[in-house]
Amino acid sequence: MGLHMTEQQAERVVRHTPGRCWKLPVTFLGLALMTAGTIGCLIAVATADQEPLCVLSIPVQRSWLIAALGGAIGGLAKAYYSFVVENHAFEYKRITGNSSPWAKDMLRLKSLDQMEDRFDPLEVWYLYFVKPLVGATLGLIFALTIDIGLITLGAKIDDSKHTTRLVVMAAMAGLFAENVLSRLQGFFMTAKDT
């Protein structure tokens, strides 16, 4: 019983990444500010008059911007979710030496062996800010597919509910970006084969 650890014990030790004390609050505050800004922009755009906007002298349909902002909100929700679950899983592993059953359930893994909780997610903290951008891009793509008639928002509805439905659908696309991208890939692969 000395102070020396065996190789196996040293391998099981989980350590914080350097700079975690500033990366954690900066990431959380950054996501909170992005959320407030996105919701504020969405409210401003959705309640303004319905004329097309000019961005860099290019006319932009208001529905495109609304869908992009809705997608960004979905991406932000996914970023928060990932931020909380992945940091909890890492801290649980660091403190107890075991994988978190709660994180396993939240990530819908079949066993604790599948969990990658030895890696500090704040090692790549800036990737949490990519999820809203992916969501915004998917929201814009979603709006464009509606405009060209590739998909519809369902039954014919009045204009007041059209914007709400567009925001919700774009937010869902941003929230489930990985699933949406794989579905789009499958859709285009089958369309290419026919």
Protein backbone atom coordinates (compact mmCIF):
# COMPACT_ATOMS: atom_id res chain seq x y z
CA MET A 1 0.00 0.00 0.00
CA GLY A 2 2.22 2.77 -1.25
CA LEU A 3 1.50 6.08 -2.84
CA HIS A 4 2.12 4.66 -6.31
CA MET A 5 -0.85 3.80 -8.51
CA THR A 6 -0.90 0.83 -10.79
CA GLU A 7 -1.25 1.45 -14.51
CA GLN A 8 -4.86 0.28 -14.39
CA GLN A 9 -5.71 2.68 -11.53
CA ALA A 10 -4.04 5.58 -13.32
CA GLU A 11 -6.05 4.79 -16.44
CA ARG A 12 -9.32 5.00 -14.49
CA VAL A 13 -8.59 8.48 -13.12
CA VAL A 14 -10.67 11.12 -14.89
CA ARG A 15 -9.27 14.64 -14.85
CA HIS A 16 -10.58 18.09 -15.68
CA THR A 17 -9.35 19.81 -18.79
CA PRO A 18 -7.15 22.88 -18.22
CA GLY A 19 -9.23 26.06 -18.12
CA ARG A 20 -12.44 24.35 -17.05
CA CYS A 21 -13.03 27.07 -14.43
CA TRP A 22 -13.54 29.67 -17.20
CA LYS A 23 -14.83 27.40 -19.99
CA LEU A 24 -17.86 26.23 -18.00
CA PRO A 25 -19.34 29.68 -17.21
CA VAL A 26 -18.36 31.14 -20.61
CA THR A 27 -20.11 28.30 -22.43
CA PHE A 28 -23.23 28.56 -20.29
CA LEU A 29 -23.36 32.36 -20.47
CA GLY A 30 -22.67 32.29 -24.22
CA LEU A 31 -25.54 29.87 -24.82
CA ALA A 32 -27.84 31.98 -22.61
CA LEU A 33 -26.96 35.17 -24.51
CA MET A 34 -27.41 33.42 -27.85
CA THR A 35 -30.83 32.21 -26.72
CA ALA A 36 -31.94 35.67 -25.59
CA GLY A 37 -30.68 37.25 -28.80
CA THR A 38 -32.29 34.63 -31.02
CA ILE A 39 -35.66 34.87 -29.27
CA GLY A 40 -35.48 38.67 -29.42
CA CYS A 41 -34.70 38.63 -33.15
CA LEU A 42 -37.47 36.11 -33.78
CA ILE A 43 -40.02 38.27 -31.98
CA ALA A 44 -38.86 41.39 -33.84
CA VAL A 45 -38.98 39.70 -37.25
CA ALA A 46 -42.25 37.85 -36.68
CA THR A 47 -44.14 40.92 -35.46
CA ALA A 48 -42.82 43.35 -38.07
CA ASP A 49 -44.61 44.19 -41.30
CA GLN A 50 -44.65 41.45 -43.90
CA GLU A 51 -42.58 43.12 -46.63
CA PRO A 52 -39.43 41.27 -47.72
CA LEU A 53 -36.27 42.29 -45.91
CA CYS A 54 -33.15 43.48 -47.70
CA VAL A 55 -29.93 41.90 -46.43
CA LEU A 56 -26.88 43.29 -48.22
CA SER A 57 -29.26 44.60 -50.92
CA ILE A 58 -30.65 41.09 -51.49
CA PRO A 59 -34.40 40.69 -50.88
CA VAL A 60 -34.98 37.94 -48.30
CA GLN A 61 -38.33 36.36 -47.57
CA ARG A 62 -39.34 36.94 -43.96
CA SER A 63 -40.37 33.28 -43.65
CA TRP A 64 -36.79 32.21 -44.43
CA LEU A 65 -35.42 34.32 -41.60
CA ILE A 66 -38.15 33.17 -39.22
CA ALA A 67 -37.39 29.52 -40.04
CA ALA A 68 -33.64 30.07 -39.62
CA LEU A 69 -34.21 31.65 -36.21
CA GLY A 70 -36.59 28.82 -35.26
CA GLY A 71 -33.95 26.30 -36.29
CA ALA A 72 -31.37 28.17 -34.21
CA ILE A 73 -33.67 27.92 -31.17
CA GLY A 74 -33.91 24.16 -31.72
CA GLY A 75 -30.12 23.97 -32.06
CA LEU A 76 -29.73 25.95 -28.84
CA ALA A 77 -32.07 23.55 -27.04
CA LYS A 78 -29.94 20.65 -28.28
CA ALA A 79 -26.76 22.46 -27.20
CA TYR A 80 -28.14 23.01 -23.67
CA TYR A 81 -29.25 19.40 -23.46
CA SER A 82 -25.86 18.10 -24.59
CA PHE A 83 -24.06 20.55 -22.31
CA VAL A 84 -25.95 19.42 -19.20
CA VAL A 85 -25.94 15.67 -19.87
CA GLU A 86 -22.33 15.40 -21.05
CA ASN A 87 -20.96 17.51 -18.19
CA HIS A 88 -23.01 15.58 -15.66
CA ALA A 89 -21.75 12.26 -17.06
CA PHE A 90 -18.15 13.46 -16.93
CA GLU A 91 -18.41 14.85 -13.38
CA TYR A 92 -20.22 11.74 -12.13
CA LYS A 93 -17.46 9.55 -13.58
CA ARG A 94 -14.76 11.81 -12.13
CA ILE A 95 -16.24 11.82 -8.64
CA THR A 96 -17.59 8.28 -8.29
CA GLY A 97 -15.45 6.38 -10.78
CA ASN A 98 -18.64 4.89 -12.28
CA SER A 99 -20.79 5.87 -15.24
CA SER A 100 -24.00 7.76 -14.53
CA PRO A 101 -27.20 5.72 -14.94
CA TRP A 102 -29.15 8.97 -15.41
CA ALA A 103 -26.89 10.07 -18.28
CA LYS A 104 -27.18 6.60 -19.83
CA ASP A 105 -30.96 6.91 -19.79
CA MET A 106 -30.85 10.47 -21.16
CA LEU A 107 -28.52 9.44 -23.99
CA ARG A 108 -30.65 6.32 -24.63
CA LEU A 109 -27.71 3.95 -24.45
CA LYS A 110 -28.25 0.24 -23.96
CA SER A 111 -25.43 -0.20 -21.47
CA LEU A 112 -23.08 1.91 -19.39
CA ASP A 113 -20.16 0.50 -21.39
CA GLN A 114 -21.28 2.54 -24.41
CA MET A 115 -20.96 5.85 -22.57
CA GLU A 116 -17.98 8.04 -23.40
CA ASP A 117 -17.75 9.81 -20.07
CA ARG A 118 -13.99 9.81 -19.56
CA PHE A 119 -13.54 12.75 -21.92
CA ASP A 120 -14.15 16.23 -20.51
CA PRO A 121 -16.67 17.81 -22.93
CA LEU A 122 -15.25 21.24 -22.14
CA GLU A 123 -12.09 20.17 -23.95
CA VAL A 124 -14.07 21.10 -27.07
CA TRP A 125 -16.41 23.66 -25.46
CA TYR A 126 -16.71 25.77 -28.63
CA LEU A 127 -18.57 22.94 -30.41
CA TYR A 128 -21.67 23.73 -28.33
CA PHE A 129 -21.91 26.97 -30.33
CA VAL A 130 -21.99 25.06 -33.63
CA LYS A 131 -25.30 23.32 -32.86
CA PRO A 132 -27.38 26.54 -33.15
CA LEU A 133 -25.68 27.33 -36.46
CA VAL A 134 -26.51 23.86 -37.79
CA GLY A 135 -30.08 24.32 -36.53
CA ALA A 136 -30.37 27.71 -38.27
CA THR A 137 -29.08 26.22 -41.51
CA LEU A 138 -31.56 23.36 -41.30
CA GLY A 139 -34.36 25.82 -40.51
CA LEU A 140 -33.48 27.81 -43.63
CA ILE A 141 -33.36 24.66 -45.74
CA PHE A 142 -36.72 23.69 -44.26
CA ALA A 143 -38.25 27.06 -45.26
CA LEU A 144 -36.83 26.79 -48.77
CA THR A 145 -38.26 23.29 -49.24
CA ILE A 146 -41.66 24.64 -48.21
CA ASP A 147 -41.39 27.60 -50.60
CA ILE A 148 -40.58 25.39 -53.58
CA GLY A 149 -43.34 22.93 -52.65
CA LEU A 150 -41.16 19.94 -51.78
CA ILE A 151 -42.92 19.63 -48.41
CA THR A 152 -45.95 21.29 -46.83
CA LEU A 153 -46.84 22.34 -43.32
CA GLY A 154 -49.91 20.18 -43.35
CA ALA A 155 -53.53 21.26 -43.72
CA LYS A 156 -54.30 24.72 -45.07
CA ILE A 157 -54.16 27.20 -42.19
CA ASP A 158 -54.61 30.94 -41.81
CA ASP A 159 -51.60 33.25 -41.91
CA SER A 160 -51.49 33.82 -38.15
CA LYS A 161 -50.80 30.14 -37.49
CA HIS A 162 -48.53 29.67 -40.52
CA THR A 163 -45.65 31.56 -38.84
CA THR A 164 -46.06 29.66 -35.59
CA ARG A 165 -46.13 26.33 -37.38
CA LEU A 166 -43.06 27.26 -39.42
CA VAL A 167 -41.10 28.25 -36.28
CA VAL A 168 -42.06 25.05 -34.46
CA MET A 169 -41.19 22.80 -37.40
CA ALA A 170 -37.87 24.58 -37.99
CA ALA A 171 -37.07 24.36 -34.26
CA MET A 172 -37.76 20.62 -34.36
CA ALA A 173 -35.40 20.35 -37.35
CA GLY A 174 -32.71 22.15 -35.34
CA LEU A 175 -33.35 20.12 -32.20
CA PHE A 176 -33.11 16.81 -34.01
CA ALA A 177 -30.43 17.89 -36.51
CA GLU A 178 -28.63 14.54 -36.60
CA ASN A 179 -31.87 12.69 -37.38
CA VAL A 180 -32.98 15.28 -39.93
CA LEU A 181 -29.65 15.13 -41.76
CA SER A 182 -29.73 11.34 -41.95
CA ARG A 183 -33.35 11.43 -43.19
CA LEU A 184 -32.49 14.03 -45.82
CA GLN A 185 -29.55 11.93 -46.95
CA GLY A 186 -31.81 8.88 -47.24
CA PHE A 187 -34.44 10.92 -49.12
CA PHE A 188 -31.96 12.23 -51.66
CA MET A 189 -30.26 8.84 -52.08
CA THR A 190 -33.61 7.19 -52.92
CA ALA A 191 -34.54 10.09 -55.23
CA LYS A 192 -31.17 9.70 -57.00
CA ASP A 193 -31.70 5.95 -57.46
CA THR A 194 -35.12 6.39 -59.13
